[in-house]
Each structure stands twice: as C-alpha cells, then as structure tokens.
Amino acid sequence: FRLQVCYYYLIVTGLPNTSPKEPPPDNSTADMSSYLPEADLRGVFEKIDADGNGVIDNNELHSAMRLLGIKVSDNSARRVLKLVDTNKSGTIEWAEFKEFFGRVSDTDEIKKMLSQANHRYFDYKTKVETDANFEKMFGIPPFGPNAKCIDTGHADQIEEVRWLTDSVVVTGSLDGRLRIWDKTQIATFPKPVKEIKLDSALYSMTSVADGSLIVTGLGTGELSAWNVADETPSVSYQGHDTSIFSCAFDKRNVRLASGAKSGVVCLHDVQTRDPLAQWVAHEGIVNSVDFEHSGKMLCTGSSDGSIRIFDSRLVGADKSSLYAVIEDAAASEKVFRTRFRSDLELISSGDDYSIKRWDMRQLSQGPVGSYFGLTSPVRALELSPDGRFIATGTTSGSARLWLADEVGAVAELENAARKEYDTIQGQRQELVDLCQNGEPFDADELRDLSAEADEAQEKLARLKKARKERQSQDCTQACLALDSPSMSVSSIAWRALPEGGACIAMGAHDQKLRLFNFKEKELQALGMNIL
C-alpha cells in the first residue's frame, strides 16, 4: 500500500509515531490528508516550520525533502514550492500544506517533480566532499606547457580576458580599468600598451572579431562600447539598471546580448542606444549569454540554476521566443557559463563541480556528456573555435583542457585505424595471392607489409578498448592540466592562430594574466593521449 508523505514526515522529523489510518485503494481519488488526524498533520507543519513564523519557506522545505532522502538543490526545492504555493506568496501556508498532501501520495511523486538526471551530479559532489578515495577514481592529468605569467598591475581581481588580435589581449578588472597587452612585446616591455579607465568596477566584457571594439558591463548597470584605437566610448547602451554580469556579440558582430543581476536580458543593435528587446529571462543573476553560430539562437545561464534558449529573431515580439528551458542545469544551484558548441549542442558549467554537454534535440533526457574530476565550482569555461576542446577554470584555481567529445574522437581514430588496416591488409593480400599463384613477388615488401598489418591491428585493438572504456565510464576526464593560480580562475579566452595551434589566455583573482602557447601538433597529441 502507498504510504502517505505525511507519515514519512512524522517518522523522519521525530514527532510521535502516530500511525495513519488505512489509506484508500490505489485507484481512489480521495483526499489523502483526510486519513491523517489534522492535529498530527498540523504538528508536521509546525516541525518543518523551523523558525515558527507560521509559513514554510524554501530553506525549510529543502531541509525536509533532504530528510526524506530526496536529493534536491535549492532550485529544485523552489520548483516544488511553486507547485504547492497556490497564492504565489513565496511561502507555503498551512492551508496550502494540507492541500498538498491531498495531491501527493508518496515521496516518489515528489521525486517525479525533480530532475532525475541531477541525482548523478549530487552523488558526484558528495563523493568529492566526503570520499577519501576520490583522487584514486579521478587522477590528475599530465601538465601542459608552462605559462607566461604577467603581473598586470590591476588593483583588484581580473574578471575578464579577451583576445583582440592574434597577439593582443585585454584584461578587465574590478578596479575599473582595461589593460591591453601585446604578447610579442611582453618579454622586453612587460607593461600594457594601452589602458582605458572606466567609471566603475568591470563585471563583464566582450569584443568584436577584429578587436576594434570592446563592450564593457559595469557594476553600476552601464553597458558601453569603446573604440580601441582612440580609447574613447562610442555607444552607451540603455536597458539595464543593475550590475551587468554577461555580454556577447553574435558571430556577425551586429547584435549584442547582455544579462544583469536582476535577471533581465537586453538585445541591442551594435549601433543603437536603445534595446531591440528587453525581458526578464531569469529569477537570478544572468551569468552567461551566448549566440549560436548562425545567430538565430541565444542561450542564457543563471544563478537560478537554469539555462534558457531563445529564438533571438523573435525576442520582443511574443512569448514564442522561448525555445527551451533546462530547469536544473547545475544540480547545486548556479550556472556560471553556457557556450554553444554547434547549432545543436551546448556546453555548461556550474557549482556542482562538473561540466555538461547538452543536445538540443533531447534536452528532456538530461546531458549527453558529463565531465568529471574537478573538486570545486567551475566558473570559467571556453571552447576552441572548432569545438574540439574545452578549457575550464575553477574557484579553487584548477585549470584543465578536455576533449569536447572524447568518445566521438576515439571513434574517429578507430575508423581511421580500421581504414589504414584494411588498406595495408589489402596490399599484403595481393602479394600473398601472387605467391600462392606461383607468380613473382617482392618477399621483402610482403614481410614489411605483414609487420605493418600487425602494428595496425594492434592499434585498432587499443582504440576499440579505449572506446569501450570511455563508454563504460560514462564520463570524460581532463586530458591536460594547466599551470594555474591557487586563487579563483575567473575567465579564459582561446585564440586559434593562423599558422596552426592556439594561445590560451587566463585571468584570475591574483591579478595575473597567464598565457599558454600550443603548437598544432601538441593539440593533435591531446587527442592521442586517450590511447
């Protein structure tokens, strides 16, 4: 028979174990609360109402649900509270509490309200914090090239870094200054080549592709475009009145999206002061905004724990602009970064110590990829332009490189190895046929091809094994560690170089800029590390 949720509460909260009356049959629609004495039900309510103010708030509901064995974040508890809070007061009153038990018969029904996919991430975070053997499960990857470390001279922590050209990078800080650096001159001239003084603390920053224009979002709610050449402001955008935590251009550099502390998102034409559209996208800080490659879709990530995807062509027109919502994108509450990997895939990070890959065609089924091995919130995240790699930084100062689709990368190598083996084996078989038919053939060539075939077969076997191992792990681990600070990594920028390879810029709360140079062969080798 079905135990009532109230009875669970009576047991776990330590109230007198007054057994409920026999519940109605499973197919009954009777009010379940009528099968528990109202005085006992009231006692449960008062027990959960820890501060005794006559209502149950989100924190109290969160605690009660955890006592029931339901793994739940603040955001998930808030979702349940909204379902129970019929008068939209933000709390559960006695009448609503009583009605709730008439609608929900057991804890499994509460769990159905929550994202089942998040349980895995709760378990992961719990292991990080409580399991002494965690390091044995997720080892530290090999370290990459040494960083070129620059003391930027900022008076406060660096919040953003952005590449302007292949050799020029800009740092933005809470000290209200932008400092522009030429990496080719740093060795002989370790000072910024330009400096722009802002009106207040910088919270977010982006730039157009050619580096001629920088947009800054400030703690005062100011959103401004700056001409890099003459270091002057060109446009002061309207629409925000709270701190601006995120901003991004579309790939054509004609539209600008920005998100604020208030949960408001604005969409601007780059040349226009007033917004094309302005709407409340989230209930918390909008930490991240990003356009997909065609510019049609816009994704936002927030401290309310959700990711929202909008059709940017429709925003401001009607509510149909909201394409999809991922309610619990970070199992422990905040989403820090969201990035489109392609027109159909998103990468996100948050304070559940993990990274996730989402397929927009199957969002309801949860992430299609998980990246584990970190031990603190993932605040900084950036993708390589080709989508092959993910670079991340955490609040504890750990920086990592990841293959964005490790199983896919192994499968590609496996297919290439199979073609190589088939080609060699075909050439070898031709010589074997000549030998068997008594026709002349090159014995040395046959011997060499036989050895090559054996090597190719061994390589193919290793790749098959690697693919199966990755599939059985059901997660991706970092392929490289980067030299990083002991303080929070706040921003990462990736620059693909025309000659091949890349340079990664990293900003942190220690006021230092770190640059990592990779040759193309080194990046290719990262893909081979999976062997």
Protein backbone atom coordinates (compact mmCIF):
# COMPACT_ATOMS: atom_id res chain seq x y z
CA PHE A 1 0.00 0.00 0.00
CA ARG A 2 1.02 3.60 -0.51
CA LEU A 3 2.49 5.37 2.50
CA GLN A 4 1.40 8.95 2.78
CA VAL A 5 4.03 11.65 2.57
CA CYS A 6 2.84 12.91 5.94
CA TYR A 7 3.73 9.61 7.54
CA TYR A 8 7.28 9.92 6.20
CA TYR A 9 7.47 13.35 7.76
CA LEU A 10 6.24 12.01 11.10
CA ILE A 11 8.97 9.40 11.16
CA VAL A 12 11.92 11.47 10.00
CA THR A 13 11.13 14.61 11.98
CA GLY A 14 10.90 12.78 15.27
CA LEU A 15 7.27 13.55 16.04
CA PRO A 16 5.23 10.92 17.90
CA ASN A 17 4.78 7.97 15.60
CA THR A 18 1.01 8.14 15.26
CA SER A 19 0.08 5.60 12.63
CA PRO A 20 -2.17 6.93 9.90
CA LYS A 21 -5.46 5.31 9.18
CA GLU A 22 -5.66 2.80 6.36
CA PRO A 23 -5.29 4.74 3.09
CA PRO A 24 -7.83 4.36 0.30
CA PRO A 25 -7.23 1.94 -2.59
CA ASP A 26 -4.61 2.90 -5.17
CA ASN A 27 -7.26 3.92 -7.68
CA SER A 28 -9.03 6.19 -5.22
CA THR A 29 -9.09 9.95 -5.74
CA ALA A 30 -9.97 10.70 -2.13
CA ASP A 31 -8.11 13.45 -0.26
CA MET A 32 -5.15 11.66 1.31
CA SER A 33 -4.85 14.28 4.05
CA SER A 34 -8.17 13.15 5.47
CA TYR A 35 -6.56 9.84 6.51
CA LEU A 36 -4.23 11.52 8.99
CA PRO A 37 -5.60 13.32 12.05
CA GLU A 38 -5.47 17.05 11.39
CA ALA A 39 -3.72 17.66 14.72
CA ASP A 40 -0.87 15.36 13.66
CA LEU A 41 -0.71 16.95 10.24
CA ARG A 42 -0.53 20.34 11.89
CA GLY A 43 2.29 19.04 14.08
CA VAL A 44 4.25 18.04 10.98
CA PHE A 45 3.76 21.51 9.52
CA GLU A 46 5.00 23.17 12.71
CA LYS A 47 8.01 20.86 12.90
CA ILE A 48 9.10 21.79 9.37
CA ASP A 49 8.42 25.46 10.10
CA ALA A 50 11.70 25.72 12.00
CA ASP A 51 11.52 29.43 12.78
CA GLY A 52 7.88 29.22 13.87
CA ASN A 53 6.66 32.11 11.73
CA GLY A 54 3.60 30.20 10.51
CA VAL A 55 4.83 29.52 6.96
CA ILE A 56 7.34 27.17 5.33
CA ASP A 57 9.98 28.87 3.21
CA ASN A 58 12.29 27.38 0.59
CA ASN A 59 15.12 26.61 3.03
CA GLU A 60 12.77 24.75 5.39
CA LEU A 61 11.21 22.79 2.54
CA HIS A 62 14.69 21.98 1.22
CA SER A 63 15.73 20.56 4.61
CA ALA A 64 12.57 18.48 4.93
CA MET A 65 12.97 16.99 1.48
CA ARG A 66 16.55 16.01 2.22
CA LEU A 67 15.38 14.29 5.40
CA LEU A 68 13.03 12.29 3.18
CA GLY A 69 16.04 11.05 1.23
CA ILE A 70 15.27 13.20 -1.81
CA LYS A 71 18.43 14.62 -3.35
CA VAL A 72 17.48 18.17 -4.11
CA SER A 73 19.05 21.54 -4.75
CA ASP A 74 17.68 24.88 -3.62
CA ASN A 75 16.47 25.39 -7.15
CA SER A 76 14.64 22.06 -7.21
CA ALA A 77 13.04 22.75 -3.84
CA ARG A 78 11.94 26.11 -5.20
CA ARG A 79 10.20 24.34 -8.07
CA VAL A 80 8.24 22.16 -5.65
CA LEU A 81 7.41 25.19 -3.51
CA LYS A 82 5.95 26.93 -6.54
CA LEU A 83 3.66 23.97 -7.17
CA VAL A 84 2.42 23.99 -3.57
CA ASP A 85 2.30 27.79 -3.17
CA THR A 86 -1.04 28.36 -4.89
CA ASN A 87 -1.38 32.01 -3.83
CA LYS A 88 2.15 32.82 -5.09
CA SER A 89 3.25 34.36 -1.79
CA GLY A 90 6.66 32.71 -1.94
CA THR A 91 5.97 30.51 1.11
CA ILE A 92 3.73 27.55 1.99
CA GLU A 93 0.91 28.34 4.39
CA TRP A 94 -0.99 25.84 6.47
CA ALA A 95 -3.96 25.60 4.09
CA GLU A 96 -1.63 25.01 1.12
CA PHE A 97 0.35 22.41 3.08
CA LYS A 98 -2.83 20.48 3.87
CA GLU A 99 -3.99 20.66 0.27
CA PHE A 100 -0.58 19.47 -0.91
CA PHE A 101 -0.94 16.15 0.90
CA GLY A 102 -4.25 15.71 -0.80
CA ARG A 103 -2.50 15.82 -4.17
CA VAL A 104 0.73 13.94 -3.44
CA SER A 105 0.56 10.43 -2.06
CA ASP A 106 4.22 9.47 -1.55
CA THR A 107 7.79 10.66 -1.87
CA ASP A 108 8.17 9.13 -5.34
CA GLU A 109 5.66 11.65 -6.61
CA ILE A 110 7.81 14.47 -5.22
CA LYS A 111 10.84 12.97 -6.91
CA LYS A 112 9.00 12.97 -10.22
CA MET A 113 8.78 16.76 -9.91
CA LEU A 114 12.56 16.93 -9.86
CA SER A 115 15.19 16.23 -12.48
CA GLN A 116 16.27 12.61 -12.09
CA ALA A 117 19.40 13.34 -14.13
CA ASN A 118 20.65 15.59 -11.35
CA HIS A 119 20.96 12.75 -8.85
CA ARG A 120 24.18 11.67 -10.51
CA TYR A 121 25.72 15.10 -10.03
CA PHE A 122 24.62 15.29 -6.41
CA ASP A 123 26.32 11.93 -5.87
CA TYR A 124 29.48 13.16 -7.60
CA LYS A 125 29.69 16.31 -5.48
CA THR A 126 29.08 14.28 -2.32
CA LYS A 127 31.95 11.95 -3.22
CA VAL A 128 34.25 14.91 -3.80
CA GLU A 129 33.46 16.31 -0.37
CA THR A 130 33.30 13.10 1.66
CA ASP A 131 35.10 10.20 -0.08
CA ALA A 132 38.78 9.88 0.86
CA ASN A 133 39.35 7.68 -2.20
CA PHE A 134 38.10 10.28 -4.67
CA GLU A 135 41.59 11.03 -6.05
CA LYS A 136 42.02 7.37 -6.94
CA MET A 137 38.88 7.46 -9.07
CA PHE A 138 39.82 10.64 -10.93
CA GLY A 139 43.54 11.15 -11.31
CA ILE A 140 45.34 14.39 -12.14
CA PRO A 141 46.07 14.63 -15.89
CA PRO A 142 49.56 15.44 -17.23
CA PHE A 143 50.59 19.09 -17.16
CA GLY A 144 50.76 21.19 -20.30
CA PRO A 145 53.27 23.87 -21.30
CA ASN A 146 54.47 26.38 -18.75
CA ALA A 147 52.52 29.61 -18.61
CA LYS A 148 53.93 33.01 -19.44
CA CYS A 149 52.79 34.84 -16.31
CA ILE A 150 52.30 38.62 -16.35
CA ASP A 151 51.71 40.74 -13.27
CA THR A 152 49.07 43.05 -14.71
CA GLY A 153 49.27 45.70 -12.01
CA HIS A 154 45.50 45.69 -11.55
CA ALA A 155 44.50 46.84 -8.08
CA ASP A 156 41.73 44.23 -7.86
CA GLN A 157 40.87 40.82 -9.29
CA ILE A 158 40.67 40.25 -13.03
CA GLU A 159 37.11 39.48 -14.10
CA GLU A 160 37.51 39.07 -17.87
CA VAL A 161 40.15 38.42 -20.54
CA ARG A 162 39.57 38.70 -24.29
CA TRP A 163 41.73 38.37 -27.40
CA LEU A 164 41.60 41.39 -29.72
CA THR A 165 44.05 40.06 -32.34
CA ASP A 166 46.40 37.08 -32.61
CA SER A 167 48.90 38.87 -30.38
CA VAL A 168 46.86 41.42 -28.43
CA VAL A 169 44.82 40.56 -25.33
CA VAL A 170 42.84 42.76 -22.95
CA THR A 171 42.26 42.28 -19.22
CA GLY A 172 39.36 43.84 -17.34
CA SER A 173 39.24 44.21 -13.57
CA LEU A 174 37.06 45.21 -10.66
CA ASP A 175 39.46 48.14 -10.29
CA GLY A 176 37.62 49.77 -13.22
CA ARG A 177 40.43 49.53 -15.75
CA LEU A 178 41.03 47.79 -19.06
CA ARG A 179 44.66 46.99 -19.81
CA ILE A 180 45.70 45.96 -23.31
CA TRP A 181 48.77 43.77 -23.80
CA ASP A 182 50.87 42.76 -26.81
CA LYS A 183 52.27 39.31 -26.12
CA THR A 184 55.09 39.83 -28.61
CA GLN A 185 56.40 42.72 -26.50
CA ILE A 186 55.86 41.37 -23.01
CA ALA A 187 59.34 39.84 -22.70
CA THR A 188 61.03 43.22 -23.30
CA PHE A 189 58.19 45.55 -22.33
CA PRO A 190 56.11 43.93 -19.54
CA LYS A 191 53.60 46.78 -19.43
CA PRO A 192 50.23 47.37 -21.09
CA VAL A 193 50.37 49.11 -24.46
CA LYS A 194 47.08 50.87 -23.67
CA GLU A 195 44.84 51.49 -20.68
CA ILE A 196 41.19 52.55 -20.57
CA LYS A 197 39.74 53.89 -17.35
CA LEU A 198 36.09 53.00 -16.73
CA ASP A 199 33.55 54.74 -14.50
CA SER A 200 33.27 51.81 -12.05
CA ALA A 201 34.07 48.14 -11.48
CA LEU A 202 34.02 45.89 -14.56
CA TYR A 203 31.79 42.82 -14.29
CA SER A 204 31.73 41.59 -17.90
CA MET A 205 33.38 42.24 -21.25
CA THR A 206 33.28 41.14 -24.88
CA SER A 207 34.80 42.30 -28.19
CA VAL A 208 34.12 42.16 -31.92
CA ALA A 209 36.06 39.68 -34.03
CA ASP A 210 38.61 42.16 -35.40
CA GLY A 211 39.33 43.60 -31.95
CA SER A 212 38.41 47.17 -32.89
CA LEU A 213 35.55 47.45 -30.40
CA ILE A 214 35.24 46.39 -26.76
CA VAL A 215 31.98 46.33 -24.83
CA THR A 216 32.06 46.56 -21.05
CA GLY A 217 29.36 45.76 -18.49
CA LEU A 218 29.79 47.54 -15.18
CA GLY A 219 28.61 47.12 -11.62
CA THR A 220 26.54 50.29 -11.99
CA GLY A 221 24.47 48.83 -14.84
CA GLU A 222 26.31 50.76 -17.56
CA LEU A 223 26.87 48.94 -20.85
CA SER A 224 29.26 50.78 -23.18
CA ALA A 225 31.18 50.24 -26.41
CA TRP A 226 34.77 51.52 -26.65
CA ASN A 227 36.87 52.19 -29.73
CA VAL A 228 40.21 50.53 -29.07
CA ALA A 229 42.17 52.74 -31.47
CA ASP A 230 41.46 56.04 -29.72
CA GLU A 231 40.35 54.61 -26.35
CA THR A 232 37.04 56.50 -26.41
CA PRO A 233 33.44 55.37 -25.79
CA SER A 234 31.27 55.17 -28.91
CA VAL A 235 27.85 54.00 -27.65
CA SER A 236 26.23 53.93 -24.21
CA TYR A 237 23.56 51.24 -24.35
CA GLN A 238 20.34 51.58 -22.36
CA GLY A 239 18.17 48.92 -20.73
CA HIS A 240 19.88 47.84 -17.50
CA ASP A 241 19.74 49.35 -14.03
CA THR A 242 21.62 46.61 -12.13
CA SER A 243 25.11 45.11 -12.44
CA ILE A 244 25.79 43.53 -15.84
CA PHE A 245 27.33 40.09 -15.39
CA SER A 246 27.49 38.93 -19.02
CA CYS A 247 27.60 40.23 -22.60
CA ALA A 248 28.32 38.73 -26.01
CA PHE A 249 28.24 39.63 -29.71
CA ASP A 250 26.70 37.42 -32.33
CA LYS A 251 29.15 35.97 -34.85
CA ARG A 252 28.43 38.73 -37.38
CA ASN A 253 29.11 41.41 -34.75
CA VAL A 254 25.83 43.20 -35.47
CA ARG A 255 23.86 42.34 -32.33
CA LEU A 256 24.82 42.44 -28.67
CA ALA A 257 23.19 40.45 -25.85
CA SER A 258 23.70 41.26 -22.17
CA GLY A 259 22.45 39.87 -18.87
CA ALA A 260 22.17 41.52 -15.47
CA LYS A 261 21.84 40.85 -11.76
CA SER A 262 18.09 41.49 -12.00
CA GLY A 263 17.61 38.57 -14.41
CA VAL A 264 16.96 40.99 -17.29
CA VAL A 265 18.42 40.29 -20.73
CA CYS A 266 18.76 43.02 -23.36
CA LEU A 267 19.32 42.64 -27.08
CA HIS A 268 20.87 45.60 -28.90
CA ASP A 269 21.82 46.53 -32.40
CA VAL A 270 25.51 47.35 -32.01
CA GLN A 271 25.00 50.87 -33.40
CA THR A 272 21.81 51.65 -31.45
CA ARG A 273 21.49 53.07 -27.96
CA ASP A 274 18.04 51.69 -27.12
CA PRO A 275 17.48 47.91 -26.92
CA LEU A 276 15.76 45.97 -29.66
CA ALA A 277 14.27 43.84 -26.89
CA GLN A 278 14.34 43.72 -23.11
CA TRP A 279 12.84 40.96 -20.98
CA VAL A 280 13.13 39.17 -17.64
CA ALA A 281 14.76 35.88 -18.59
CA HIS A 282 15.63 34.53 -15.12
CA GLU A 283 14.87 34.80 -11.43
CA GLY A 284 18.58 35.22 -10.60
CA ILE A 285 21.78 36.73 -11.97
CA VAL A 286 22.34 36.13 -15.69
CA ASN A 287 25.93 34.88 -15.51
CA SER A 288 26.28 33.96 -19.17
CA VAL A 289 24.90 34.77 -22.63
CA ASP A 290 25.97 33.28 -25.95
CA PHE A 291 24.75 33.17 -29.57
CA GLU A 292 24.96 30.01 -31.62
CA HIS A 293 26.94 30.19 -34.82
CA SER A 294 24.16 31.38 -37.14
CA GLY A 295 22.99 33.93 -34.59
CA LYS A 296 19.44 32.57 -34.58
CA MET A 297 19.51 31.13 -31.07
CA LEU A 298 20.57 32.78 -27.82
CA CYS A 299 21.30 30.85 -24.63
CA THR A 300 21.45 32.27 -21.11
CA GLY A 301 22.69 30.69 -17.87
CA SER A 302 21.74 31.94 -14.43
CA SER A 303 22.25 31.70 -10.70
CA ASP A 304 18.66 30.42 -10.54
CA GLY A 305 20.11 27.12 -11.82
CA SER A 306 18.51 27.16 -15.26
CA ILE A 307 19.56 27.57 -18.87
CA ARG A 308 17.11 29.21 -21.24
CA ILE A 309 17.30 29.14 -25.02
CA PHE A 310 15.60 31.85 -27.05
CA ASP A 311 14.98 32.38 -30.73
CA SER A 312 16.75 35.72 -30.99
CA ARG A 313 14.76 36.64 -34.11
CA LEU A 314 11.53 36.62 -32.08
CA VAL A 315 12.51 38.17 -28.76
CA GLY A 316 10.43 41.23 -28.07
CA ALA A 317 7.72 40.00 -30.46
CA ASP A 318 5.93 37.43 -28.31
CA LYS A 319 6.48 34.65 -25.78
CA SER A 320 7.18 32.12 -28.54
CA SER A 321 10.78 33.36 -28.49
CA LEU A 322 11.47 30.97 -25.59
CA TYR A 323 12.63 27.85 -27.38
CA ALA A 324 13.59 25.60 -24.46
CA VAL A 325 14.36 25.58 -20.73
CA ILE A 326 16.79 23.37 -18.81
CA GLU A 327 15.46 23.83 -15.29
CA ASP A 328 18.19 22.12 -13.27
CA ALA A 329 21.28 22.64 -15.38
CA ALA A 330 23.55 22.76 -12.30
CA ALA A 331 22.49 20.33 -9.61
CA SER A 332 23.71 22.52 -6.78
CA GLU A 333 22.18 25.79 -7.94
CA LYS A 334 24.21 28.19 -10.09
CA VAL A 335 25.05 28.04 -13.77
CA PHE A 336 28.22 30.03 -14.42
CA ARG A 337 28.88 29.53 -18.13
CA THR A 338 26.96 28.39 -21.21
CA ARG A 339 28.51 28.08 -24.66
CA PHE A 340 27.18 26.78 -27.96
CA ARG A 341 29.46 24.08 -29.32
CA SER A 342 27.41 23.83 -32.50
CA ASP A 343 23.92 24.72 -33.68
CA LEU A 344 22.61 21.68 -31.79
CA GLU A 345 24.91 21.37 -28.76
CA LEU A 346 25.57 23.37 -25.61
CA ILE A 347 28.33 23.14 -23.02
CA SER A 348 27.64 24.41 -19.50
CA SER A 349 29.39 24.63 -16.14
CA GLY A 350 28.27 25.45 -12.63
CA ASP A 351 28.78 24.99 -8.94
CA ASP A 352 28.14 21.23 -8.99
CA TYR A 353 31.87 20.73 -9.78
CA SER A 354 31.11 19.42 -13.26
CA ILE A 355 30.69 20.29 -16.92
CA LYS A 356 27.83 19.07 -19.10
CA ARG A 357 27.14 18.71 -22.79
CA TRP A 358 23.54 19.08 -23.97
CA ASP A 359 21.89 18.05 -27.21
CA MET A 360 19.08 20.49 -28.01
CA ARG A 361 17.14 17.68 -29.71
CA GLN A 362 16.86 15.71 -26.46
CA LEU A 363 17.11 18.17 -23.56
CA SER A 364 14.42 16.36 -21.56
CA GLN A 365 16.70 13.33 -21.29
CA GLY A 366 19.43 15.27 -19.50
CA PRO A 367 23.05 15.83 -20.54
CA VAL A 368 24.52 13.67 -23.29
CA GLY A 369 28.02 14.16 -21.88
CA SER A 370 29.48 14.62 -18.39
CA TYR A 371 32.97 15.82 -17.47
CA PHE A 372 34.22 14.79 -14.03
CA GLY A 373 37.39 15.12 -11.97
CA LEU A 374 37.13 18.66 -10.61
CA THR A 375 36.65 19.48 -6.94
CA SER A 376 35.16 22.99 -6.88
CA PRO A 377 32.70 25.16 -8.83
CA VAL A 378 33.60 25.66 -12.50
CA ARG A 379 33.43 29.40 -13.01
CA ALA A 380 35.39 29.85 -16.27
CA LEU A 381 34.76 27.93 -19.49
CA GLU A 382 35.68 28.47 -23.13
CA LEU A 383 35.65 26.35 -26.28
CA SER A 384 38.14 26.17 -29.10
CA PRO A 385 36.61 27.71 -32.27
CA ASP A 386 36.38 24.29 -33.92
CA GLY A 387 34.59 22.83 -30.89
CA ARG A 388 37.20 20.11 -30.31
CA PHE A 389 38.41 21.31 -26.91
CA ILE A 390 37.03 22.79 -23.70
CA ALA A 391 39.16 24.91 -21.38
CA THR A 392 37.94 25.38 -17.80
CA GLY A 393 38.93 27.10 -14.59
CA THR A 394 37.55 26.62 -11.09
CA THR A 395 37.14 28.73 -7.97
CA SER A 396 39.96 26.77 -6.31
CA GLY A 397 42.38 27.69 -9.11
CA SER A 398 42.37 24.43 -11.08
CA ALA A 399 42.57 24.76 -14.88
CA ARG A 400 42.02 21.88 -17.32
CA LEU A 401 41.72 21.05 -21.01
CA TRP A 402 39.17 18.49 -22.17
CA LEU A 403 38.20 16.79 -25.38
CA ALA A 404 34.67 18.04 -26.00
CA ASP A 405 33.54 14.70 -27.44
CA GLU A 406 36.01 12.09 -26.25
CA VAL A 407 34.01 9.06 -27.35
CA GLY A 408 33.47 10.66 -30.75
CA ALA A 409 37.19 11.43 -31.01
CA VAL A 410 38.06 7.81 -30.20
CA ALA A 411 35.50 6.60 -32.75
CA GLU A 412 37.07 8.82 -35.44
CA LEU A 413 40.53 7.46 -34.63
CA GLU A 414 39.14 3.95 -34.64
CA ASN A 415 37.56 4.43 -38.08
CA ALA A 416 40.81 5.88 -39.43
CA ALA A 417 42.79 2.97 -37.95
CA ARG A 418 40.36 0.49 -39.49
CA LYS A 419 40.77 2.07 -42.93
CA GLU A 420 44.54 2.03 -42.51
CA TYR A 421 44.48 -1.64 -41.51
CA ASP A 422 42.18 -2.57 -44.40
CA THR A 423 44.44 -0.77 -46.88
CA ILE A 424 47.60 -2.47 -45.62
CA GLN A 425 45.88 -5.82 -45.40
CA GLY A 426 44.63 -5.43 -48.99
CA GLN A 427 48.14 -4.68 -50.28
CA ARG A 428 49.52 -7.62 -48.32
CA GLN A 429 46.83 -9.95 -49.69
CA GLU A 430 47.72 -9.01 -53.26
CA LEU A 431 51.30 -10.20 -52.67
CA VAL A 432 50.06 -13.34 -50.91
CA ASP A 433 47.87 -14.13 -53.94
CA LEU A 434 50.87 -13.70 -56.25
CA CYS A 435 52.89 -16.06 -54.10
CA GLN A 436 50.14 -18.69 -54.00
CA ASN A 437 49.70 -18.48 -57.77
CA GLY A 438 53.42 -19.00 -58.34
CA GLU A 439 53.86 -15.54 -59.79
CA PRO A 440 56.86 -13.32 -58.97
CA PHE A 441 56.53 -11.05 -55.93
CA ASP A 442 58.74 -8.98 -53.62
CA ALA A 443 59.34 -11.04 -50.47
CA ASP A 444 60.81 -8.08 -48.55
CA GLU A 445 57.74 -5.98 -49.32
CA LEU A 446 55.47 -8.81 -48.14
CA ARG A 447 57.43 -9.11 -44.90
CA ASP A 448 57.23 -5.33 -44.33
CA LEU A 449 53.50 -5.22 -45.08
CA SER A 450 52.89 -8.13 -42.70
CA ALA A 451 54.66 -6.24 -39.90
CA GLU A 452 52.72 -3.06 -40.71
CA ALA A 453 49.45 -5.02 -40.70
CA ASP A 454 50.26 -6.44 -37.27
CA GLU A 455 51.00 -2.95 -35.92
CA ALA A 456 47.81 -1.53 -37.45
CA GLN A 457 45.79 -4.37 -35.96
CA GLU A 458 47.24 -3.74 -32.51
CA LYS A 459 46.47 -0.02 -32.82
CA LEU A 460 42.89 -0.81 -33.85
CA ALA A 461 42.52 -3.15 -30.87
CA ARG A 462 43.78 -0.43 -28.49
CA LEU A 463 41.29 2.05 -29.89
CA LYS A 464 38.41 -0.40 -29.57
CA LYS A 465 39.39 -0.98 -25.96
CA ALA A 466 39.69 2.77 -25.32
CA ARG A 467 36.23 3.41 -26.80
CA LYS A 468 34.64 0.70 -24.67
CA GLU A 469 36.38 2.01 -21.55
CA ARG A 470 35.12 5.55 -22.20
CA GLN A 471 31.63 4.32 -22.86
CA SER A 472 31.62 2.25 -19.66
CA GLN A 473 32.87 5.22 -17.59
CA ASP A 474 30.03 7.34 -18.97
CA CYS A 475 32.07 10.48 -18.37
CA THR A 476 35.03 12.39 -19.76
CA GLN A 477 38.15 13.18 -17.75
CA ALA A 478 40.55 16.04 -18.49
CA CYS A 479 43.36 15.35 -20.94
CA LEU A 480 45.66 18.13 -19.68
CA ALA A 481 46.22 20.27 -16.58
CA LEU A 482 47.36 23.88 -16.92
CA ASP A 483 49.67 25.76 -14.61
CA SER A 484 47.23 27.90 -12.64
CA PRO A 485 46.91 30.05 -9.52
CA SER A 486 45.79 28.98 -6.07
CA MET A 487 43.01 31.56 -6.36
CA SER A 488 39.83 31.51 -8.45
CA VAL A 489 40.15 31.42 -12.24
CA SER A 490 37.63 33.98 -13.45
CA SER A 491 37.99 33.98 -17.25
CA ILE A 492 39.53 32.04 -20.13
CA ALA A 493 39.91 33.09 -23.78
CA TRP A 494 41.01 30.84 -26.66
CA ARG A 495 42.72 32.18 -29.77
CA ALA A 496 43.24 29.90 -32.76
CA LEU A 497 46.35 31.01 -34.66
CA PRO A 498 46.55 31.22 -38.47
CA GLU A 499 49.71 29.09 -38.59
CA GLY A 500 48.00 26.41 -36.53
CA GLY A 501 47.92 25.87 -32.80
CA ALA A 502 46.44 28.22 -30.25
CA CYS A 503 47.13 30.61 -27.40
CA ILE A 504 45.00 30.44 -24.27
CA ALA A 505 44.69 33.48 -22.00
CA MET A 506 43.66 33.04 -18.37
CA GLY A 507 42.65 35.71 -15.85
CA ALA A 508 42.42 35.11 -12.12
CA HIS A 509 41.80 36.74 -8.77
CA ASP A 510 45.55 37.02 -8.15
CA GLN A 511 45.64 39.90 -10.71
CA LYS A 512 47.89 37.90 -13.05
CA LEU A 513 47.47 37.12 -16.74
CA ARG A 514 48.66 33.70 -17.86
CA LEU A 515 49.33 32.80 -21.49
CA PHE A 516 49.68 29.21 -22.77
CA ASN A 517 51.05 28.58 -26.27
CA PHE A 518 50.19 25.36 -28.09
CA LYS A 519 51.58 24.20 -31.41
CA GLU A 520 49.16 22.38 -33.67
CA LYS A 521 51.00 19.08 -33.20
CA GLU A 522 50.61 19.49 -29.43
CA LEU A 523 46.86 19.90 -29.79
CA GLN A 524 46.74 16.88 -32.08
CA ALA A 525 48.68 14.93 -29.45
CA LEU A 526 45.99 15.71 -26.86
CA GLY A 527 43.59 13.67 -28.94
CA MET A 528 46.06 10.81 -28.96
CA ASN A 529 46.50 10.88 -25.18
CA ILE A 530 43.28 8.90 -24.92
CA LEU A 531 45.27 5.85 -26.03
